């Protein structure tokens, strides 16, 4: 395995682990909130806000992983009705639009995080920018996955059959 592929696979693994960590954390926070409310009769103010932050992070991280797997929404029922020449144009434009979407997330995420870095969230006291920091991260990963796919690198890890992963002779 080449060094570049090892670096990409390591980055991809860390990114996926971050998404799974957020998923586990939101589960624990919500369980804590339910336990406190039902058993102790009070709800800590930080749990709802923390769960909301984690859900935002999960949504954007999993969106990037959806791009990795090629599981994003595709309107094939519309595109299949186009003439072959038009279909090729749409196939050419799809990665370009995905790349533009990733760049948009990077730009807007940095703008939002910078604009809200001094405001604090009331329940946790965290900077409001914690909600927006995930946008450039997810945008960068969407751009990375899109560029890799354009250059023929298989980014999928879970979709498809094992035969799809077999080396081509």
N, C-alpha and C. Protein backbone atom coordinates (compact mmCIF):
# COMPACT_ATOMS: atom_id res chain seq x y z
N UNK A 1 0.86 -1.17 0.00
CA UNK A 1 0.00 0.00 0.00
C UNK A 1 0.91 1.24 0.00
N UNK A 2 0.59 2.16 -0.86
CA UNK A 2 1.42 3.37 -0.95
C UNK A 2 1.23 4.25 0.27
N UNK A 3 2.20 5.10 0.48
CA UNK A 3 2.16 6.01 1.64
C UNK A 3 0.94 6.92 1.56
N UNK A 4 0.65 7.44 0.37
CA UNK A 4 -0.51 8.33 0.20
C UNK A 4 -1.81 7.60 0.53
N UNK A 5 -1.91 6.35 0.10
CA UNK A 5 -3.12 5.58 0.39
C UNK A 5 -3.23 5.29 1.89
N UNK A 6 -2.10 5.03 2.55
CA UNK A 6 -2.11 4.80 3.99
C UNK A 6 -2.55 6.06 4.74
N UNK A 7 -2.06 7.21 4.30
CA UNK A 7 -2.44 8.47 4.94
C UNK A 7 -3.93 8.71 4.76
N UNK A 8 -4.42 8.52 3.51
CA UNK A 8 -5.84 8.72 3.25
C UNK A 8 -6.69 7.76 4.08
N UNK A 9 -6.30 6.49 4.13
CA UNK A 9 -7.08 5.49 4.87
C UNK A 9 -7.07 5.81 6.36
N UNK A 10 -5.95 6.29 6.88
CA UNK A 10 -5.88 6.68 8.29
C UNK A 10 -6.77 7.86 8.59
N UNK A 11 -6.73 8.88 7.73
CA UNK A 11 -7.60 10.05 7.89
C UNK A 11 -9.07 9.65 7.82
N UNK A 12 -9.37 8.78 6.89
CA UNK A 12 -10.74 8.29 6.73
C UNK A 12 -11.20 7.52 7.96
N UNK A 13 -10.33 6.72 8.51
CA UNK A 13 -10.66 5.94 9.72
C UNK A 13 -10.89 6.86 10.91
N UNK A 14 -10.04 7.86 11.08
CA UNK A 14 -10.21 8.83 12.17
C UNK A 14 -11.54 9.58 12.00
N UNK A 15 -11.84 9.97 10.77
CA UNK A 15 -13.08 10.70 10.50
C UNK A 15 -14.30 9.84 10.83
N UNK A 16 -14.27 8.58 10.41
CA UNK A 16 -15.37 7.66 10.71
C UNK A 16 -15.48 7.43 12.22
N UNK A 17 -14.35 7.28 12.89
CA UNK A 17 -14.35 7.07 14.34
C UNK A 17 -14.95 8.28 15.06
N UNK A 18 -14.66 9.48 14.57
CA UNK A 18 -15.24 10.69 15.16
C UNK A 18 -16.77 10.65 15.06
N UNK A 19 -17.29 10.25 13.91
CA UNK A 19 -18.74 10.13 13.76
C UNK A 19 -19.33 9.11 14.71
N UNK A 20 -18.67 7.97 14.85
CA UNK A 20 -19.16 6.93 15.77
C UNK A 20 -19.05 7.38 17.22
N UNK A 21 -17.99 8.10 17.54
CA UNK A 21 -17.82 8.65 18.89
C UNK A 21 -18.95 9.62 19.22
N UNK A 22 -19.30 10.48 18.27
CA UNK A 22 -20.42 11.41 18.49
C UNK A 22 -21.73 10.66 18.68
N UNK A 23 -21.91 9.58 17.92
CA UNK A 23 -23.12 8.79 18.05
C UNK A 23 -23.22 8.14 19.43
N UNK A 24 -22.11 7.58 19.90
CA UNK A 24 -22.10 6.99 21.24
C UNK A 24 -22.30 8.06 22.32
N UNK A 25 -21.68 9.21 22.11
CA UNK A 25 -21.81 10.29 23.10
C UNK A 25 -23.24 10.78 23.21
N UNK A 26 -23.93 10.95 22.07
CA UNK A 26 -25.31 11.42 22.13
C UNK A 26 -26.19 10.39 22.83
N UNK A 27 -25.91 9.12 22.62
CA UNK A 27 -26.66 8.07 23.31
C UNK A 27 -26.47 8.18 24.82
N UNK A 28 -25.24 8.35 25.26
CA UNK A 28 -24.97 8.46 26.69
C UNK A 28 -25.57 9.72 27.30
N UNK A 29 -25.50 10.84 26.57
CA UNK A 29 -26.04 12.10 27.08
C UNK A 29 -27.56 12.01 27.23
N UNK A 30 -28.22 11.43 26.24
CA UNK A 30 -29.69 11.31 26.31
C UNK A 30 -30.09 10.33 27.40
N UNK A 31 -29.36 9.24 27.55
CA UNK A 31 -29.64 8.31 28.65
C UNK A 31 -29.47 9.00 30.00
N UNK A 32 -28.42 9.80 30.12
CA UNK A 32 -28.19 10.57 31.36
C UNK A 32 -29.36 11.50 31.63
N UNK A 33 -29.81 12.18 30.58
CA UNK A 33 -30.92 13.12 30.72
C UNK A 33 -32.19 12.41 31.16
N UNK A 34 -32.49 11.27 30.56
CA UNK A 34 -33.69 10.51 30.92
C UNK A 34 -33.57 9.99 32.35
N UNK A 35 -32.41 9.46 32.71
CA UNK A 35 -32.18 8.96 34.07
C UNK A 35 -32.41 10.07 35.10
N UNK A 36 -31.80 11.21 34.85
CA UNK A 36 -31.95 12.31 35.80
C UNK A 36 -33.40 12.76 35.92
N UNK A 37 -34.10 12.85 34.80
CA UNK A 37 -35.48 13.33 34.83
C UNK A 37 -36.41 12.31 35.48
N UNK A 38 -36.27 11.03 35.13
CA UNK A 38 -37.19 10.02 35.63
C UNK A 38 -36.86 9.55 37.05
N UNK A 39 -35.59 9.44 37.37
CA UNK A 39 -35.20 8.88 38.67
C UNK A 39 -34.94 9.97 39.70
N UNK A 40 -34.19 10.99 39.29
CA UNK A 40 -33.81 12.03 40.24
C UNK A 40 -34.76 13.23 40.24
N UNK A 41 -35.63 13.30 39.26
CA UNK A 41 -36.63 14.36 39.22
C UNK A 41 -36.13 15.71 38.75
N UNK A 42 -34.95 15.77 38.17
CA UNK A 42 -34.45 17.03 37.63
C UNK A 42 -33.65 16.74 36.37
N UNK A 43 -33.58 17.73 35.50
CA UNK A 43 -32.83 17.57 34.26
C UNK A 43 -31.71 18.59 34.22
N UNK A 44 -30.47 18.13 34.05
CA UNK A 44 -29.37 19.08 33.94
C UNK A 44 -29.52 19.93 32.68
N UNK A 45 -29.18 21.20 32.77
CA UNK A 45 -29.35 22.10 31.64
C UNK A 45 -28.43 21.81 30.47
N UNK A 46 -27.31 21.15 30.71
CA UNK A 46 -26.33 20.91 29.66
C UNK A 46 -26.68 19.76 28.74
N UNK A 47 -27.56 18.84 29.18
CA UNK A 47 -27.78 17.62 28.40
C UNK A 47 -28.50 17.88 27.08
N UNK A 48 -29.55 18.69 27.10
CA UNK A 48 -30.29 18.95 25.86
C UNK A 48 -29.41 19.67 24.84
N UNK A 49 -28.69 20.65 25.31
CA UNK A 49 -27.82 21.41 24.41
C UNK A 49 -26.68 20.54 23.85
N UNK A 50 -26.11 19.71 24.69
CA UNK A 50 -25.04 18.82 24.25
C UNK A 50 -25.56 17.82 23.22
N UNK A 51 -26.74 17.28 23.46
CA UNK A 51 -27.34 16.35 22.51
C UNK A 51 -27.59 17.04 21.17
N UNK A 52 -28.04 18.28 21.21
CA UNK A 52 -28.29 19.03 19.97
C UNK A 52 -26.99 19.28 19.21
N UNK A 53 -25.94 19.65 19.91
CA UNK A 53 -24.63 19.86 19.28
C UNK A 53 -24.15 18.56 18.63
N UNK A 54 -24.25 17.48 19.37
CA UNK A 54 -23.81 16.19 18.84
C UNK A 54 -24.62 15.76 17.63
N UNK A 55 -25.92 16.04 17.64
CA UNK A 55 -26.75 15.67 16.48
C UNK A 55 -26.36 16.48 15.24
N UNK A 56 -26.02 17.74 15.42
CA UNK A 56 -25.55 18.55 14.29
C UNK A 56 -24.26 17.94 13.74
N UNK A 57 -23.35 17.61 14.64
CA UNK A 57 -22.09 17.01 14.21
C UNK A 57 -22.32 15.67 13.50
N UNK A 58 -23.18 14.84 14.06
CA UNK A 58 -23.48 13.54 13.43
C UNK A 58 -24.05 13.75 12.03
N UNK A 59 -24.96 14.70 11.89
CA UNK A 59 -25.57 14.95 10.58
C UNK A 59 -24.54 15.32 9.53
N UNK A 60 -23.63 16.21 9.85
CA UNK A 60 -22.64 16.64 8.86
C UNK A 60 -21.56 15.59 8.63
N UNK A 61 -21.12 14.92 9.69
CA UNK A 61 -20.11 13.88 9.52
C UNK A 61 -20.65 12.73 8.68
N UNK A 62 -21.88 12.35 8.94
CA UNK A 62 -22.47 11.24 8.18
C UNK A 62 -22.80 11.65 6.74
N UNK A 63 -23.06 12.93 6.52
CA UNK A 63 -23.25 13.39 5.14
C UNK A 63 -21.97 13.17 4.34
N UNK A 64 -20.84 13.52 4.92
CA UNK A 64 -19.56 13.30 4.24
C UNK A 64 -19.32 11.82 4.01
N UNK A 65 -19.64 10.98 4.98
CA UNK A 65 -19.48 9.55 4.81
C UNK A 65 -20.43 9.01 3.76
N UNK A 66 -21.59 9.62 3.62
CA UNK A 66 -22.51 9.26 2.54
C UNK A 66 -21.91 9.55 1.18
N UNK A 67 -21.19 10.66 1.06
CA UNK A 67 -20.48 10.96 -0.18
C UNK A 67 -19.39 9.92 -0.43
N UNK A 68 -18.72 9.51 0.64
CA UNK A 68 -17.68 8.49 0.50
C UNK A 68 -18.25 7.20 -0.07
N UNK A 69 -19.41 6.81 0.44
CA UNK A 69 -20.02 5.55 0.03
C UNK A 69 -20.82 5.67 -1.26
N UNK A 70 -21.00 6.88 -1.77
CA UNK A 70 -21.83 7.06 -2.96
C UNK A 70 -23.30 6.87 -2.63
N UNK A 71 -23.66 7.13 -1.39
CA UNK A 71 -25.04 6.90 -0.93
C UNK A 71 -25.86 8.17 -0.91
N UNK A 72 -25.36 9.23 -1.53
CA UNK A 72 -26.13 10.47 -1.55
C UNK A 72 -27.31 10.33 -2.51
N UNK A 73 -28.23 11.23 -2.41
CA UNK A 73 -29.45 11.16 -3.20
C UNK A 73 -29.10 11.34 -4.68
N UNK A 74 -29.59 10.42 -5.48
CA UNK A 74 -29.40 10.52 -6.93
C UNK A 74 -30.78 10.41 -7.59
N UNK A 75 -31.05 11.31 -8.49
CA UNK A 75 -32.33 11.30 -9.17
C UNK A 75 -32.22 10.51 -10.47
N UNK A 76 -31.89 9.23 -10.32
CA UNK A 76 -31.67 8.40 -11.51
C UNK A 76 -32.94 8.22 -12.33
N UNK A 77 -34.08 8.23 -11.67
CA UNK A 77 -35.31 8.05 -12.43
C UNK A 77 -35.54 9.20 -13.39
N UNK A 78 -34.99 10.37 -13.10
CA UNK A 78 -35.08 11.51 -14.02
C UNK A 78 -33.95 11.44 -15.05
N UNK A 79 -32.74 11.21 -14.57
CA UNK A 79 -31.57 11.19 -15.46
C UNK A 79 -31.67 10.06 -16.48
N UNK A 80 -32.24 8.92 -16.09
CA UNK A 80 -32.37 7.79 -17.01
C UNK A 80 -33.25 8.11 -18.21
N UNK A 81 -34.08 9.10 -18.10
CA UNK A 81 -34.97 9.49 -19.21
C UNK A 81 -34.28 10.43 -20.20
N UNK A 82 -33.11 10.94 -19.83
CA UNK A 82 -32.38 11.86 -20.71
C UNK A 82 -31.73 11.09 -21.85
N UNK A 83 -31.47 11.77 -22.97
CA UNK A 83 -30.69 11.14 -24.04
C UNK A 83 -29.26 10.87 -23.55
N UNK A 84 -28.55 9.93 -24.15
CA UNK A 84 -27.20 9.56 -23.69
C UNK A 84 -26.23 10.74 -23.56
N UNK A 85 -26.28 11.68 -24.48
CA UNK A 85 -25.37 12.82 -24.42
C UNK A 85 -25.65 13.67 -23.17
N UNK A 86 -26.90 13.87 -22.87
CA UNK A 86 -27.28 14.65 -21.70
C UNK A 86 -26.88 13.91 -20.41
N UNK A 87 -27.04 12.58 -20.43
CA UNK A 87 -26.63 11.78 -19.26
C UNK A 87 -25.14 11.93 -18.98
N UNK A 88 -24.33 11.93 -20.03
CA UNK A 88 -22.88 12.10 -19.84
C UNK A 88 -22.57 13.46 -19.24
N UNK A 89 -23.30 14.48 -19.66
CA UNK A 89 -23.09 15.82 -19.09
C UNK A 89 -23.44 15.83 -17.60
N UNK A 90 -24.56 15.20 -17.27
CA UNK A 90 -24.97 15.12 -15.86
C UNK A 90 -23.94 14.34 -15.05
N UNK A 91 -23.42 13.24 -15.62
CA UNK A 91 -22.40 12.45 -14.92
C UNK A 91 -21.12 13.26 -14.72
N UNK A 92 -20.83 14.15 -15.64
CA UNK A 92 -19.66 15.01 -15.52
C UNK A 92 -19.90 16.11 -14.49
N UNK A 93 -21.13 16.63 -14.45
CA UNK A 93 -21.45 17.73 -13.53
C UNK A 93 -21.59 17.28 -12.08
N UNK A 94 -21.99 16.04 -11.86
CA UNK A 94 -22.24 15.56 -10.49
C UNK A 94 -21.03 15.73 -9.57
N UNK A 95 -19.84 15.27 -9.96
CA UNK A 95 -18.69 15.49 -9.07
C UNK A 95 -18.37 16.97 -8.89
N UNK A 96 -18.57 17.75 -9.95
CA UNK A 96 -18.31 19.18 -9.84
C UNK A 96 -19.25 19.82 -8.82
N UNK A 97 -20.52 19.44 -8.86
CA UNK A 97 -21.48 19.97 -7.89
C UNK A 97 -21.15 19.50 -6.47
N UNK A 98 -20.72 18.25 -6.33
CA UNK A 98 -20.33 17.75 -5.00
C UNK A 98 -19.13 18.54 -4.48
N UNK A 99 -18.17 18.80 -5.35
CA UNK A 99 -16.99 19.59 -4.96
C UNK A 99 -17.39 21.01 -4.56
N UNK A 100 -18.28 21.62 -5.32
CA UNK A 100 -18.75 22.96 -4.99
C UNK A 100 -19.50 22.97 -3.66
N UNK A 101 -20.28 21.92 -3.40
CA UNK A 101 -20.99 21.82 -2.13
C UNK A 101 -20.00 21.73 -0.97
N UNK A 102 -18.96 20.91 -1.13
CA UNK A 102 -17.93 20.80 -0.10
C UNK A 102 -17.22 22.12 0.15
N UNK A 103 -16.89 22.82 -0.94
CA UNK A 103 -16.24 24.14 -0.80
C UNK A 103 -17.16 25.14 -0.13
N UNK A 104 -18.46 25.07 -0.44
CA UNK A 104 -19.44 25.95 0.20
C UNK A 104 -19.49 25.69 1.71
N UNK A 105 -19.48 24.41 2.09
CA UNK A 105 -19.49 24.09 3.53
C UNK A 105 -18.24 24.61 4.22
N UNK A 106 -17.10 24.51 3.55
CA UNK A 106 -15.85 25.01 4.13
C UNK A 106 -15.95 26.52 4.33
N UNK A 107 -16.35 27.23 3.30
CA UNK A 107 -16.42 28.70 3.37
C UNK A 107 -17.44 29.16 4.42
N UNK A 108 -18.65 28.64 4.34
CA UNK A 108 -19.70 29.05 5.28
C UNK A 108 -19.38 28.62 6.70
N UNK A 109 -18.81 27.44 6.86
CA UNK A 109 -18.46 26.97 8.20
C UNK A 109 -17.43 27.86 8.87
N UNK A 110 -16.42 28.25 8.10
CA UNK A 110 -15.40 29.14 8.65
C UNK A 110 -16.02 30.50 8.98
N UNK A 111 -16.88 31.00 8.10
CA UNK A 111 -17.54 32.29 8.34
C UNK A 111 -18.42 32.25 9.58
N UNK A 112 -19.25 31.20 9.69
CA UNK A 112 -20.15 31.08 10.84
C UNK A 112 -19.36 30.91 12.14
N UNK A 113 -18.33 30.06 12.11
CA UNK A 113 -17.53 29.82 13.32
C UNK A 113 -16.83 31.10 13.76
N UNK A 114 -16.31 31.86 12.80
CA UNK A 114 -15.63 33.11 13.16
C UNK A 114 -16.62 34.13 13.71
N UNK A 115 -17.81 34.19 13.13
CA UNK A 115 -18.80 35.18 13.56
C UNK A 115 -19.38 34.87 14.94
N UNK A 116 -19.35 33.60 15.34
CA UNK A 116 -20.00 33.21 16.60
C UNK A 116 -19.00 32.77 17.67
N UNK A 117 -17.72 33.01 17.47
CA UNK A 117 -16.73 32.50 18.41
C UNK A 117 -16.81 33.15 19.79
N UNK A 118 -17.38 34.34 19.89
CA UNK A 118 -17.44 35.01 21.19
C UNK A 118 -18.78 34.83 21.88
N UNK A 119 -19.79 34.35 21.17
CA UNK A 119 -21.09 34.08 21.79
C UNK A 119 -21.01 32.71 22.47
N UNK A 120 -21.71 32.58 23.58
CA UNK A 120 -21.69 31.30 24.29
C UNK A 120 -23.07 30.68 24.31
N UNK A 121 -23.08 29.37 24.40
CA UNK A 121 -24.33 28.63 24.52
C UNK A 121 -24.75 28.64 25.98
N UNK A 122 -26.03 28.84 26.29
CA UNK A 122 -26.44 29.02 27.68
C UNK A 122 -26.33 27.78 28.55
N UNK A 123 -26.57 26.60 28.00
CA UNK A 123 -26.58 25.40 28.83
C UNK A 123 -25.20 24.87 29.17
N UNK A 124 -24.28 24.98 28.24
CA UNK A 124 -22.94 24.41 28.44
C UNK A 124 -21.87 25.46 28.65
N UNK A 125 -22.13 26.68 28.21
CA UNK A 125 -21.12 27.73 28.27
C UNK A 125 -20.07 27.61 27.17
N UNK A 126 -20.26 26.66 26.27
CA UNK A 126 -19.33 26.51 25.14
C UNK A 126 -19.53 27.64 24.15
N UNK A 127 -18.51 27.95 23.36
CA UNK A 127 -18.71 28.96 22.32
C UNK A 127 -19.72 28.46 21.29
N UNK A 128 -20.54 29.34 20.80
CA UNK A 128 -21.55 28.96 19.82
C UNK A 128 -20.91 28.40 18.55
N UNK A 129 -19.67 28.76 18.30
CA UNK A 129 -18.97 28.29 17.11
C UNK A 129 -18.79 26.77 17.10
N UNK A 130 -18.94 26.11 18.24
CA UNK A 130 -18.81 24.66 18.29
C UNK A 130 -19.87 23.99 17.39
N UNK A 131 -20.98 24.66 17.17
CA UNK A 131 -21.99 24.14 16.25
C UNK A 131 -21.53 24.19 14.80
N UNK A 132 -20.66 25.12 14.46
CA UNK A 132 -20.30 25.37 13.06
C UNK A 132 -18.93 24.84 12.67
N UNK A 133 -18.12 24.46 13.61
CA UNK A 133 -16.78 23.98 13.30
C UNK A 133 -16.83 22.71 12.45
N UNK A 134 -17.87 21.94 12.58
CA UNK A 134 -17.98 20.69 11.83
C UNK A 134 -18.21 20.95 10.33
N UNK A 135 -18.74 22.09 9.95
CA UNK A 135 -19.01 22.36 8.54
C UNK A 135 -17.75 22.32 7.68
N UNK A 136 -16.69 23.05 8.03
CA UNK A 136 -15.49 22.95 7.19
C UNK A 136 -14.84 21.57 7.23
N UNK A 137 -14.97 20.88 8.34
CA UNK A 137 -14.41 19.53 8.43
C UNK A 137 -15.13 18.60 7.46
N UNK A 138 -16.47 18.63 7.52
CA UNK A 138 -17.25 17.79 6.61
C UNK A 138 -17.05 18.23 5.16
N UNK A 139 -16.99 19.53 4.93
CA UNK A 139 -16.77 20.04 3.57
C UNK A 139 -15.44 19.58 3.01
N UNK A 140 -14.40 19.61 3.82
CA UNK A 140 -13.08 19.16 3.36
C UNK A 140 -13.11 17.67 3.03
N UNK A 141 -13.80 16.88 3.83
CA UNK A 141 -13.86 15.45 3.55
C UNK A 141 -14.70 15.17 2.30
N UNK A 142 -15.77 15.93 2.09
CA UNK A 142 -16.56 15.78 0.86
C UNK A 142 -15.69 16.11 -0.35
N UNK A 143 -14.91 17.17 -0.27
CA UNK A 143 -14.01 17.53 -1.36
C UNK A 143 -12.98 16.42 -1.59
N UNK A 144 -12.40 15.91 -0.52
CA UNK A 144 -11.40 14.85 -0.64
C UNK A 144 -12.00 13.60 -1.28
N UNK A 145 -13.16 13.16 -0.80
CA UNK A 145 -13.79 11.97 -1.37
C UNK A 145 -14.13 12.19 -2.84
N UNK A 146 -14.62 13.37 -3.17
CA UNK A 146 -15.00 13.65 -4.56
C UNK A 146 -13.78 13.63 -5.47
N UNK A 147 -12.71 14.27 -5.05
CA UNK A 147 -11.48 14.30 -5.87
C UNK A 147 -10.94 12.88 -6.04
N UNK A 148 -10.91 12.11 -4.98
CA UNK A 148 -10.43 10.73 -5.07
C UNK A 148 -11.29 9.92 -6.04
N UNK A 149 -12.61 10.08 -5.97
CA UNK A 149 -13.50 9.35 -6.86
C UNK A 149 -13.31 9.77 -8.31
N UNK A 150 -13.08 11.06 -8.55
CA UNK A 150 -12.84 11.54 -9.92
C UNK A 150 -11.58 10.89 -10.49
N UNK A 151 -10.58 10.68 -9.65
CA UNK A 151 -9.33 10.06 -10.11
C UNK A 151 -9.37 8.53 -10.06
N UNK A 152 -10.57 7.97 -9.83
CA UNK A 152 -10.73 6.53 -9.92
C UNK A 152 -10.42 5.74 -8.65
N UNK A 153 -10.22 6.43 -7.54
CA UNK A 153 -9.96 5.74 -6.28
C UNK A 153 -11.30 5.31 -5.68
N UNK A 154 -11.40 4.02 -5.34
CA UNK A 154 -12.62 3.53 -4.71
C UNK A 154 -12.61 3.96 -3.24
N UNK A 155 -13.55 4.80 -2.87
CA UNK A 155 -13.61 5.28 -1.49
C UNK A 155 -14.60 4.48 -0.66
N UNK A 156 -15.44 3.69 -1.30
CA UNK A 156 -16.45 2.94 -0.57
C UNK A 156 -15.80 1.91 0.34
N UNK A 157 -16.37 1.79 1.51
CA UNK A 157 -15.91 0.75 2.44
C UNK A 157 -16.99 -0.28 2.71
N UNK A 158 -18.26 0.12 2.61
CA UNK A 158 -19.31 -0.76 3.09
C UNK A 158 -20.36 -1.12 2.05
N UNK A 159 -20.57 -0.27 1.04
CA UNK A 159 -21.57 -0.58 0.04
C UNK A 159 -20.99 -1.54 -0.99
N UNK A 160 -21.83 -2.32 -1.60
CA UNK A 160 -21.36 -3.25 -2.62
C UNK A 160 -21.10 -4.63 -2.04
N UNK A 161 -20.63 -5.50 -2.87
CA UNK A 161 -20.37 -6.88 -2.46
C UNK A 161 -18.87 -7.08 -2.33
N UNK A 162 -18.46 -8.14 -1.64
CA UNK A 162 -17.02 -8.40 -1.53
C UNK A 162 -16.35 -8.58 -2.90
N UNK A 163 -17.10 -9.09 -3.88
CA UNK A 163 -16.53 -9.25 -5.22
C UNK A 163 -16.16 -7.90 -5.83
N UNK A 164 -16.86 -6.84 -5.43
CA UNK A 164 -16.55 -5.51 -5.94
C UNK A 164 -15.17 -5.05 -5.48
N UNK A 165 -14.71 -5.57 -4.35
CA UNK A 165 -13.43 -5.15 -3.79
C UNK A 165 -12.27 -6.01 -4.28
N UNK A 166 -12.57 -7.06 -5.04
CA UNK A 166 -11.51 -7.93 -5.52
C UNK A 166 -10.64 -7.18 -6.51
N UNK A 167 -9.32 -7.44 -6.46
CA UNK A 167 -8.45 -6.74 -7.41
C UNK A 167 -8.74 -7.16 -8.84
N UNK A 168 -8.61 -6.22 -9.74
CA UNK A 168 -8.85 -6.49 -11.16
C UNK A 168 -7.57 -7.04 -11.76
N UNK A 169 -7.65 -8.18 -12.43
CA UNK A 169 -6.46 -8.78 -13.06
C UNK A 169 -6.16 -8.15 -14.39
